[in-house]
Each structure stands twice: as structure tokens, then as C-alpha cells.
Amino acid sequence: MIILLLGAPGAGKGSISNILKEKYHFFHISTGEIFRKVINASTDIAKKLKSIMLSGGLIDDDTTNEIVKNELMELSNKNLNIVLDGYPRNINQANFLSKIVKVDYVFDILVDEQEIMKRITGRRTCPVCKSIYNIYYHKPQKEGVCDYDGSLLVQRNDDKEDVVVERFKTYLALNTPLVEYYKQQKIYYPIVNENLDKAIGEIKKIIG
């Protein structure tokens, strides 16, 4: 089974994917995580990807498609349930994906825009243990300091407000035609994510 998670940055795609992975044994493919690994390399493509990501832009389709294809080809013979998070982002990518695999369900994770801004701009990360906090919802015991190792928390550049606003504008422009694309295939399901457990329950009900 292959399912896709659509939704704005901060809608909860990553949290839902992690639950599907940990509790229901889905294999999680996140283009965001793949790109973040790539930019740590000392290569020209790493510099290019880092510049685009820090400006709030999107990686070009050819590069994104090739990365996802490589991941899917490695898993094609393992008969795994797969959840794709953050891909496809546009019609070109959706068409490319349809030539590689059959998508069974598409879930559009819906969250209020103001809530999304708090979720993303409030996010702080420990650079050592990778623990994630939020200054609105999940504060550390001591402001700006990790509870586990005492490291100073950092805000990713792509979580800053001006970048988030640009990312959200880009998402709105690309997501509407993508929603129509999957509605026509009758595999599209909107999921309101005001409560994570409830959202997971709706997904479980649909996929059985």
C-alpha cells in the first residue's frame, strides 16, 4: 500500500507519518529529511539545495523526482506499506510518480493558517540530541535550553517567519491543482488535524 500526505508546512504530516511508521509499520519517505541529509555534504548540489531551502523555495522537479525514484526503487521488491510525506508537490511530480507506482490513498492534512504559523515559527531544536520544542505548546523547562543535555536550542532558518510566509504562499499555489488531480482519481481524502489522535483514527478508518 502506498499513501500520500498532502498539506501545508506545519500541518502535521511528519507527526502522522511517524505514527504510521512506529505503530503500523509503514516505511516513511520524507523528501524534507532526504534534502536535509544531502545539504550536509560538501558538493555543488548540496550548496544549491541549501540556498534554495533557506530562501523558502522548492527544489526543482527533476532533482526531486530522481531522489524519490531512487528511494522507491530500493523498496519496490520488499512488499512494504509506504507513506510519502512532502511529495508530490505539483502536477508534474504527480504525473512522474504515477509512472513509477500505484498510489492507493491521498490524505490532505488540513490546519488553520494561524495555527500553522505558531507550529513552525515556534519550533526550536536541540542541535545535539535533536529533541524538538515549541515556544507556544511544548516549552523546555529552562527557556532556550534543552531539557536533556543543556544545549542551547536553535531555530532553523527555514522556520523563520518571513520564510514560512513564502513557503505557505507557494503551497497554496501548487496544492489546489494537485487536490483536483487526485479528486478525479477518487483517492483524495481531506483530514482535519486539530487533534492528532482523531486524525490518525480517520486515516485508519479509511485504509482499514
Foldseek 3Di string as FASTA:
>chain_A
DEEEEAEAQQLCLVVLQVCCCPPVNAAEDELVVVLVVLLVDPDPVNVVSVVQLLQLHDDDLVVSLVVVLVVCVVCVPVPGYYYYYCPPQADVRVVSVVVRDDHQAYEYRDDDPVNSLQSQLQWWAFPPPGDIAGPVPGAAPDHQAHVPPGGGIDHDSCSHDVSSVSNRVSSVVGVVVVQVVVVVVVRYDYFYPPDPVVSSVVVVVVVD
